[in-house]
Amino acid sequence: MRPLPQPGRPDTARKAFAELVGSALLAATVVGSGIAAQTLSPDDVGLQLLENALTTGGVLVALILALGPVSAAFNPVVTLAERALGAISTATAAALIAAQVAGCCLGVVVANLMFALPAVEVSTRDRDTGALALGEVVATFGLVVVVFGVVRSGRAAHVAYAVGGYITAAYWFTSSTSFANPAITTGRTLSDTFAGIAPSSAPLFVGMQLLGGALGLGAALLLYPRAAELARDLTILGDRP
């Protein structure tokens, strides 16, 4: 009997497809649960946020566990951190980021349609204060530290739960409700609902997310000097060459 073929490392196209699917489902969950929360709890914003946060945290765990063996960053900041650590090439990073942005936009359109709203409804929800900008720096800084810190501690198999738990908490302890992701920020400009963000506010959020990601990567390298080496073993984000 011939041995079963061993799975190879995912190629860039397969990684990009995983990022597209995961990002689309994540964005659909964020926006869809926000719409559902507004419908089910119209008079209680705190309850709306709780419903949105728990749903987002839950889907993150599920998606990272399901797609991790291929690629499951769903976030340009995490992908850029991987590139900075030498875990992936520039071409691969560009392909994954493009898939993440496209996936998030697709997911938001699907969420709008599921709730009988226009496919694209540009958000009018301004989020452009200094306090919210600081919230995005903190949220993204913490996310990067959590991802690479968990891996450095030798518990990469638990990254899904750490990320899901962190984002659920960050919905509450940050003033911005923790977008912490340039791709999903872009997608959320396409829905004028609970989770939306006005296009005029998006550049500020993306800039602060990139800043927070850079600070988080710096902190991870100071805390865990072997983070660059171990990033290559991030099974949660796919099997790297």
C-alpha atoms as a PDB file:
ATOM      1  CA  MET A   1       0.000   0.000   0.000  1.00  0.00           C
ATOM      2  CA  ARG A   2       1.388   3.364  -0.979  1.00  0.00           C
ATOM      3  CA  PRO A   3       1.639   5.955   1.806  1.00  0.00           C
ATOM      4  CA  LEU A   4      -0.872   8.752   1.801  1.00  0.00           C
ATOM      5  CA  PRO A   5       0.476  11.970   0.266  1.00  0.00           C
ATOM      6  CA  GLN A   6       1.643  14.512   2.788  1.00  0.00           C
ATOM      7  CA  PRO A   7       0.094  17.972   2.600  1.00  0.00           C
ATOM      8  CA  GLY A   8       2.512  20.577   1.317  1.00  0.00           C
ATOM      9  CA  ARG A   9       2.908  24.122   2.405  1.00  0.00           C
ATOM     10  CA  PRO A  10       0.068  26.313   1.184  1.00  0.00           C
ATOM     11  CA  ASP A  11       0.965  28.375  -1.867  1.00  0.00           C
ATOM     12  CA  THR A  12       0.247  32.078  -2.097  1.00  0.00           C
ATOM     13  CA  ALA A  13      -3.009  31.628  -3.994  1.00  0.00           C
ATOM     14  CA  ARG A  14      -4.376  29.254  -1.364  1.00  0.00           C
ATOM     15  CA  LYS A  15      -3.302  31.588   1.436  1.00  0.00           C
ATOM     16  CA  ALA A  16      -4.936  34.539  -0.300  1.00  0.00           C
ATOM     17  CA  PHE A  17      -8.172  32.588  -0.751  1.00  0.00           C
ATOM     18  CA  ALA A  18      -8.178  31.666   2.941  1.00  0.00           C
ATOM     19  CA  GLU A  19      -7.685  35.328   3.835  1.00  0.00           C
ATOM     20  CA  LEU A  20     -10.479  36.359   1.459  1.00  0.00           C
ATOM     21  CA  VAL A  21     -12.963  33.857   2.905  1.00  0.00           C
ATOM     22  CA  GLY A  22     -12.014  34.499   6.521  1.00  0.00           C
ATOM     23  CA  SER A  23     -12.053  38.277   6.151  1.00  0.00           C
ATOM     24  CA  ALA A  24     -15.434  38.174   4.411  1.00  0.00           C
ATOM     25  CA  LEU A  25     -16.989  36.045   7.150  1.00  0.00           C
ATOM     26  CA  LEU A  26     -15.422  38.202   9.860  1.00  0.00           C
ATOM     27  CA  ALA A  27     -16.728  41.429   8.329  1.00  0.00           C
ATOM     28  CA  ALA A  28     -20.160  39.928   7.724  1.00  0.00           C
ATOM     29  CA  THR A  29     -20.254  38.919  11.386  1.00  0.00           C
ATOM     30  CA  VAL A  30     -19.173  42.322  12.697  1.00  0.00           C
ATOM     31  CA  VAL A  31     -21.653  44.273  10.589  1.00  0.00           C
ATOM     32  CA  GLY A  32     -24.436  41.680  10.610  1.00  0.00           C
ATOM     33  CA  SER A  33     -24.386  41.252  14.379  1.00  0.00           C
ATOM     34  CA  GLY A  34     -24.389  45.029  14.761  1.00  0.00           C
ATOM     35  CA  ILE A  35     -27.500  45.303  12.615  1.00  0.00           C
ATOM     36  CA  ALA A  36     -29.172  42.455  14.497  1.00  0.00           C
ATOM     37  CA  ALA A  37     -28.259  44.040  17.827  1.00  0.00           C
ATOM     38  CA  GLN A  38     -29.844  47.337  16.806  1.00  0.00           C
ATOM     39  CA  THR A  39     -32.988  45.473  15.798  1.00  0.00           C
ATOM     40  CA  LEU A  40     -33.233  43.234  18.864  1.00  0.00           C
ATOM     41  CA  SER A  41     -32.132  45.799  21.479  1.00  0.00           C
ATOM     42  CA  PRO A  42     -33.094  49.161  19.984  1.00  0.00           C
ATOM     43  CA  ASP A  43     -33.129  51.075  23.270  1.00  0.00           C
ATOM     44  CA  ASP A  44     -29.962  49.744  24.918  1.00  0.00           C
ATOM     45  CA  VAL A  45     -26.646  50.690  23.310  1.00  0.00           C
ATOM     46  CA  GLY A  46     -24.685  48.831  25.958  1.00  0.00           C
ATOM     47  CA  LEU A  47     -26.508  45.609  25.181  1.00  0.00           C
ATOM     48  CA  GLN A  48     -25.984  46.207  21.466  1.00  0.00           C
ATOM     49  CA  LEU A  49     -22.235  46.474  22.047  1.00  0.00           C
ATOM     50  CA  LEU A  50     -22.211  43.339  24.195  1.00  0.00           C
ATOM     51  CA  GLU A  51     -24.012  41.363  21.497  1.00  0.00           C
ATOM     52  CA  ASN A  52     -21.655  42.689  18.838  1.00  0.00           C
ATOM     53  CA  ALA A  53     -18.537  41.976  20.918  1.00  0.00           C
ATOM     54  CA  LEU A  54     -19.435  38.418  21.921  1.00  0.00           C
ATOM     55  CA  THR A  55     -20.377  37.498  18.367  1.00  0.00           C
ATOM     56  CA  THR A  56     -17.155  38.933  16.952  1.00  0.00           C
ATOM     57  CA  GLY A  57     -14.992  37.182  19.533  1.00  0.00           C
ATOM     58  CA  GLY A  58     -16.731  33.886  18.890  1.00  0.00           C
ATOM     59  CA  VAL A  59     -16.350  34.011  15.130  1.00  0.00           C
ATOM     60  CA  LEU A  60     -12.674  34.933  15.422  1.00  0.00           C
ATOM     61  CA  VAL A  61     -12.001  31.768  17.408  1.00  0.00           C
ATOM     62  CA  ALA A  62     -13.897  29.644  14.888  1.00  0.00           C
ATOM     63  CA  LEU A  63     -12.305  31.187  11.791  1.00  0.00           C
ATOM     64  CA  ILE A  64      -8.741  31.081  13.119  1.00  0.00           C
ATOM     65  CA  LEU A  65      -9.126  27.433  14.110  1.00  0.00           C
ATOM     66  CA  ALA A  66     -10.683  26.529  10.746  1.00  0.00           C
ATOM     67  CA  LEU A  67      -8.346  28.462   8.445  1.00  0.00           C
ATOM     68  CA  GLY A  68      -5.188  28.582  10.556  1.00  0.00           C
ATOM     69  CA  PRO A  69      -3.451  25.694   8.774  1.00  0.00           C
ATOM     70  CA  VAL A  70      -3.604  27.746   5.551  1.00  0.00           C
ATOM     71  CA  SER A  71      -3.647  31.419   6.594  1.00  0.00           C
ATOM     72  CA  ALA A  72      -5.700  33.248   9.194  1.00  0.00           C
ATOM     73  CA  ALA A  73      -4.411  36.742   9.857  1.00  0.00           C
ATOM     74  CA  PHE A  74      -7.472  38.585   8.425  1.00  0.00           C
ATOM     75  CA  ASN A  75      -5.610  41.791   9.279  1.00  0.00           C
ATOM     76  CA  PRO A  76      -3.046  43.819   7.287  1.00  0.00           C
ATOM     77  CA  VAL A  77      -1.319  44.905  10.499  1.00  0.00           C
ATOM     78  CA  VAL A  78      -0.591  41.295  11.480  1.00  0.00           C
ATOM     79  CA  THR A  79       0.508  40.504   7.932  1.00  0.00           C
ATOM     80  CA  LEU A  80       2.851  43.513   7.883  1.00  0.00           C
ATOM     81  CA  ALA A  81       4.301  42.407  11.224  1.00  0.00           C
ATOM     82  CA  GLU A  82       4.965  38.975   9.736  1.00  0.00           C
ATOM     83  CA  ARG A  83       6.685  40.629   6.793  1.00  0.00           C
ATOM     84  CA  ALA A  84       8.810  42.768   9.106  1.00  0.00           C
ATOM     85  CA  LEU A  85       9.883  39.608  10.929  1.00  0.00           C
ATOM     86  CA  GLY A  86      10.808  37.905   7.669  1.00  0.00           C
ATOM     87  CA  ALA A  87       8.135  35.228   7.959  1.00  0.00           C
ATOM     88  CA  ILE A  88       6.666  35.988   4.513  1.00  0.00           C
ATOM     89  CA  SER A  89       7.835  37.713   1.347  1.00  0.00           C
ATOM     90  CA  THR A  90       6.778  41.159   0.165  1.00  0.00           C
ATOM     91  CA  ALA A  91       4.824  39.638  -2.725  1.00  0.00           C
ATOM     92  CA  THR A  92       2.970  37.265  -0.404  1.00  0.00           C
ATOM     93  CA  ALA A  93       2.199  40.076   2.034  1.00  0.00           C
ATOM     94  CA  ALA A  94       0.788  42.225  -0.778  1.00  0.00           C
ATOM     95  CA  ALA A  95      -1.417  39.378  -2.009  1.00  0.00           C
ATOM     96  CA  LEU A  96      -2.733  38.628   1.469  1.00  0.00           C
ATOM     97  CA  ILE A  97      -3.479  42.274   2.254  1.00  0.00           C
ATOM     98  CA  ALA A  98      -5.345  42.691  -1.033  1.00  0.00           C
ATOM     99  CA  ALA A  99      -7.400  39.591  -0.211  1.00  0.00           C
ATOM    100  CA  GLN A 100      -8.113  40.865   3.299  1.00  0.00           C
ATOM    101  CA  VAL A 101      -9.399  44.234   2.078  1.00  0.00           C
ATOM    102  CA  ALA A 102     -11.466  42.670  -0.713  1.00  0.00           C
ATOM    103  CA  GLY A 103     -12.863  40.072   1.680  1.00  0.00           C
ATOM    104  CA  CYS A 104     -13.912  42.643   4.254  1.00  0.00           C
ATOM    105  CA  CYS A 105     -15.664  44.769   1.634  1.00  0.00           C
ATOM    106  CA  LEU A 106     -17.434  41.692   0.270  1.00  0.00           C
ATOM    107  CA  GLY A 107     -18.497  40.607   3.746  1.00  0.00           C
ATOM    108  CA  VAL A 108     -19.997  44.006   4.530  1.00  0.00           C
ATOM    109  CA  VAL A 109     -21.970  44.008   1.264  1.00  0.00           C
ATOM    110  CA  VAL A 110     -23.315  40.540   2.070  1.00  0.00           C
ATOM    111  CA  ALA A 111     -24.282  41.634   5.597  1.00  0.00           C
ATOM    112  CA  ASN A 112     -26.176  44.625   4.216  1.00  0.00           C
ATOM    113  CA  LEU A 113     -28.051  42.404   1.770  1.00  0.00           C
ATOM    114  CA  MET A 114     -28.880  39.783   4.411  1.00  0.00           C
ATOM    115  CA  PHE A 115     -30.730  42.441   6.381  1.00  0.00           C
ATOM    116  CA  ALA A 116     -32.527  43.870   3.325  1.00  0.00           C
ATOM    117  CA  LEU A 117     -30.405  47.023   3.185  1.00  0.00           C
ATOM    118  CA  PRO A 118     -28.763  48.515   0.093  1.00  0.00           C
ATOM    119  CA  ALA A 119     -25.677  46.524  -0.904  1.00  0.00           C
ATOM    120  CA  VAL A 120     -23.526  49.612  -0.371  1.00  0.00           C
ATOM    121  CA  GLU A 121     -24.654  52.367   1.973  1.00  0.00           C
ATOM    122  CA  VAL A 122     -21.801  54.738   2.785  1.00  0.00           C
ATOM    123  CA  SER A 123     -21.559  55.280   6.517  1.00  0.00           C
ATOM    124  CA  THR A 124     -22.248  58.668   8.068  1.00  0.00           C
ATOM    125  CA  ARG A 125     -20.975  57.631  11.509  1.00  0.00           C
ATOM    126  CA  ASP A 126     -18.122  60.023  12.342  1.00  0.00           C
ATOM    127  CA  ARG A 127     -15.345  58.614  14.504  1.00  0.00           C
ATOM    128  CA  ASP A 128     -12.693  61.302  14.274  1.00  0.00           C
ATOM    129  CA  THR A 129     -11.808  62.432  17.783  1.00  0.00           C
ATOM    130  CA  GLY A 130      -8.388  62.221  19.396  1.00  0.00           C
ATOM    131  CA  ALA A 131      -9.731  59.913  22.093  1.00  0.00           C
ATOM    132  CA  LEU A 132     -10.953  57.403  19.518  1.00  0.00           C
ATOM    133  CA  ALA A 133      -7.634  57.621  17.667  1.00  0.00           C
ATOM    134  CA  LEU A 134      -5.778  56.783  20.878  1.00  0.00           C
ATOM    135  CA  GLY A 135      -8.180  53.883  21.400  1.00  0.00           C
ATOM    136  CA  GLU A 136      -7.131  52.433  18.044  1.00  0.00           C
ATOM    137  CA  VAL A 137      -3.435  52.713  18.910  1.00  0.00           C
ATOM    138  CA  VAL A 138      -4.033  50.866  22.177  1.00  0.00           C
ATOM    139  CA  ALA A 139      -6.287  48.238  20.616  1.00  0.00           C
ATOM    140  CA  THR A 140      -3.872  47.379  17.809  1.00  0.00           C
ATOM    141  CA  PHE A 141      -0.811  47.502  20.049  1.00  0.00           C
ATOM    142  CA  GLY A 142      -2.404  44.977  22.380  1.00  0.00           C
ATOM    143  CA  LEU A 143      -3.505  42.714  19.535  1.00  0.00           C
ATOM    144  CA  VAL A 144       0.017  42.423  18.114  1.00  0.00           C
ATOM    145  CA  VAL A 145       1.521  41.794  21.553  1.00  0.00           C
ATOM    146  CA  VAL A 146      -1.072  39.095  22.245  1.00  0.00           C
ATOM    147  CA  VAL A 147      -0.532  37.293  18.926  1.00  0.00           C
ATOM    148  CA  PHE A 148       3.251  37.180  19.077  1.00  0.00           C
ATOM    149  CA  GLY A 149       3.423  36.837  22.845  1.00  0.00           C
ATOM    150  CA  VAL A 150       1.272  33.722  22.854  1.00  0.00           C
ATOM    151  CA  VAL A 151       3.413  32.194  20.123  1.00  0.00           C
ATOM    152  CA  ARG A 152       6.661  33.080  21.925  1.00  0.00           C
ATOM    153  CA  SER A 153       5.386  31.354  25.047  1.00  0.00           C
ATOM    154  CA  GLY A 154       5.102  28.119  23.096  1.00  0.00           C
ATOM    155  CA  ARG A 155       1.296  28.100  23.000  1.00  0.00           C
ATOM    156  CA  ALA A 156       0.629  28.860  19.333  1.00  0.00           C
ATOM    157  CA  ALA A 157      -2.270  26.384  19.355  1.00  0.00           C
ATOM    158  CA  HIS A 158      -4.119  28.751  21.698  1.00  0.00           C
ATOM    159  CA  VAL A 159      -3.785  31.909  19.599  1.00  0.00           C
ATOM    160  CA  ALA A 160      -7.385  31.600  18.388  1.00  0.00           C
ATOM    161  CA  TYR A 161      -8.746  31.783  21.933  1.00  0.00           C
ATOM    162  CA  ALA A 162      -6.330  34.555  22.927  1.00  0.00           C
ATOM    163  CA  VAL A 163      -7.262  36.713  19.941  1.00  0.00           C
ATOM    164  CA  GLY A 164     -10.996  36.076  20.330  1.00  0.00           C
ATOM    165  CA  GLY A 165     -10.831  36.900  24.031  1.00  0.00           C
ATOM    166  CA  TYR A 166      -8.710  39.992  23.527  1.00  0.00           C
ATOM    167  CA  ILE A 167     -10.938  41.490  20.831  1.00  0.00           C
ATOM    168  CA  THR A 168     -14.056  40.793  22.904  1.00  0.00           C
ATOM    169  CA  ALA A 169     -12.485  42.647  25.822  1.00  0.00           C
ATOM    170  CA  ALA A 170     -11.097  45.447  23.659  1.00  0.00           C
ATOM    171  CA  TYR A 171     -14.594  46.224  22.355  1.00  0.00           C
ATOM    172  CA  TRP A 172     -15.230  47.403  25.903  1.00  0.00           C
ATOM    173  CA  PHE A 173     -12.006  48.814  27.292  1.00  0.00           C
ATOM    174  CA  THR A 174     -11.094  50.970  24.263  1.00  0.00           C
ATOM    175  CA  SER A 175     -12.964  54.140  23.378  1.00  0.00           C
ATOM    176  CA  SER A 176     -13.040  53.164  19.684  1.00  0.00           C
ATOM    177  CA  THR A 177     -14.550  49.683  20.302  1.00  0.00           C
ATOM    178  CA  SER A 178     -11.376  48.178  18.839  1.00  0.00           C
ATOM    179  CA  PHE A 179     -11.484  48.099  15.060  1.00  0.00           C
ATOM    180  CA  ALA A 180      -7.722  47.288  15.178  1.00  0.00           C
ATOM    181  CA  ASN A 181      -7.733  46.281  11.508  1.00  0.00           C
ATOM    182  CA  PRO A 182      -7.294  48.475   8.400  1.00  0.00           C
ATOM    183  CA  ALA A 183      -9.130  45.995   6.154  1.00  0.00           C
ATOM    184  CA  ILE A 184     -12.253  45.832   8.259  1.00  0.00           C
ATOM    185  CA  THR A 185     -12.118  49.602   8.791  1.00  0.00           C
ATOM    186  CA  THR A 186     -12.261  50.003   5.015  1.00  0.00           C
ATOM    187  CA  GLY A 187     -15.141  47.562   4.718  1.00  0.00           C
ATOM    188  CA  ARG A 188     -17.130  49.197   7.479  1.00  0.00           C
ATOM    189  CA  THR A 189     -17.296  52.458   5.525  1.00  0.00           C
ATOM    190  CA  LEU A 190     -19.792  50.654   3.251  1.00  0.00           C
ATOM    191  CA  SER A 191     -22.531  50.198   5.877  1.00  0.00           C
ATOM    192  CA  ASP A 192     -24.432  53.042   7.531  1.00  0.00           C
ATOM    193  CA  THR A 193     -25.279  50.930  10.571  1.00  0.00           C
ATOM    194  CA  PHE A 194     -24.129  50.305  14.149  1.00  0.00           C
ATOM    195  CA  ALA A 195     -20.666  49.091  13.105  1.00  0.00           C
ATOM    196  CA  GLY A 196     -20.096  51.642  10.345  1.00  0.00           C
ATOM    197  CA  ILE A 197     -17.457  54.352  10.093  1.00  0.00           C
ATOM    198  CA  ALA A 198     -17.593  57.409   7.863  1.00  0.00           C
ATOM    199  CA  PRO A 199     -15.030  57.382   5.029  1.00  0.00           C
ATOM    200  CA  SER A 200     -13.678  60.702   6.323  1.00  0.00           C
ATOM    201  CA  SER A 201     -12.810  59.016   9.643  1.00  0.00           C
ATOM    202  CA  ALA A 202     -11.241  55.882   8.157  1.00  0.00           C
ATOM    203  CA  PRO A 203      -7.783  57.331   7.302  1.00  0.00           C
ATOM    204  CA  LEU A 204      -7.283  58.425  10.908  1.00  0.00           C
ATOM    205  CA  PHE A 205      -8.220  54.975  12.173  1.00  0.00           C
ATOM    206  CA  VAL A 206      -5.954  53.211   9.672  1.00  0.00           C
ATOM    207  CA  GLY A 207      -3.029  55.476  10.527  1.00  0.00           C
ATOM    208  CA  MET A 208      -3.445  54.855  14.234  1.00  0.00           C
ATOM    209  CA  GLN A 209      -3.762  51.113  13.645  1.00  0.00           C
ATOM    210  CA  LEU A 210      -0.473  51.083  11.743  1.00  0.00           C
ATOM    211  CA  LEU A 211       1.159  53.083  14.530  1.00  0.00           C
ATOM    212  CA  GLY A 212      -0.213  50.750  17.183  1.00  0.00           C
ATOM    213  CA  GLY A 213       0.933  47.736  15.186  1.00  0.00           C
ATOM    214  CA  ALA A 214       4.469  49.110  14.872  1.00  0.00           C
ATOM    215  CA  LEU A 215       4.616  49.845  18.595  1.00  0.00           C
ATOM    216  CA  GLY A 216       3.234  46.392  19.362  1.00  0.00           C
ATOM    217  CA  LEU A 217       5.841  44.735  17.166  1.00  0.00           C
ATOM    218  CA  GLY A 218       8.589  46.722  18.869  1.00  0.00           C
ATOM    219  CA  ALA A 219       7.294  45.692  22.282  1.00  0.00           C
ATOM    220  CA  ALA A 220       7.090  42.036  21.201  1.00  0.00           C
ATOM    221  CA  LEU A 221      10.699  42.109  19.994  1.00  0.00           C
ATOM    222  CA  LEU A 222      11.864  43.641  23.271  1.00  0.00           C
ATOM    223  CA  LEU A 223       9.869  41.196  25.383  1.00  0.00           C
ATOM    224  CA  TYR A 224      10.611  38.141  23.244  1.00  0.00           C
ATOM    225  CA  PRO A 225      13.936  38.461  21.386  1.00  0.00           C
ATOM    226  CA  ARG A 226      13.309  35.224  19.470  1.00  0.00           C
ATOM    227  CA  ALA A 227       9.958  36.441  18.132  1.00  0.00           C
ATOM    228  CA  ALA A 228      11.313  36.746  14.588  1.00  0.00           C
ATOM    229  CA  GLU A 229      12.466  33.133  14.610  1.00  0.00           C
ATOM    230  CA  LEU A 230       9.265  31.811  16.117  1.00  0.00           C
ATOM    231  CA  ALA A 231       7.070  33.829  13.748  1.00  0.00           C
ATOM    232  CA  ARG A 232       7.999  31.292  11.099  1.00  0.00           C
ATOM    233  CA  ASP A 233       6.185  28.664  13.149  1.00  0.00           C
ATOM    234  CA  LEU A 234       2.911  30.589  13.426  1.00  0.00           C
ATOM    235  CA  THR A 235       0.620  27.686  12.541  1.00  0.00           C
ATOM    236  CA  ILE A 236      -2.321  29.966  13.286  1.00  0.00           C
ATOM    237  CA  LEU A 237      -1.367  32.105  10.302  1.00  0.00           C
ATOM    238  CA  GLY A 238      -0.466  29.295   7.958  1.00  0.00           C
ATOM    239  CA  ASP A 239       2.501  27.021   7.370  1.00  0.00           C
ATOM    240  CA  ARG A 240       5.330  29.308   6.370  1.00  0.00           C
ATOM    241  CA  PRO A 241       8.249  28.204   4.199  1.00  0.00           C
END
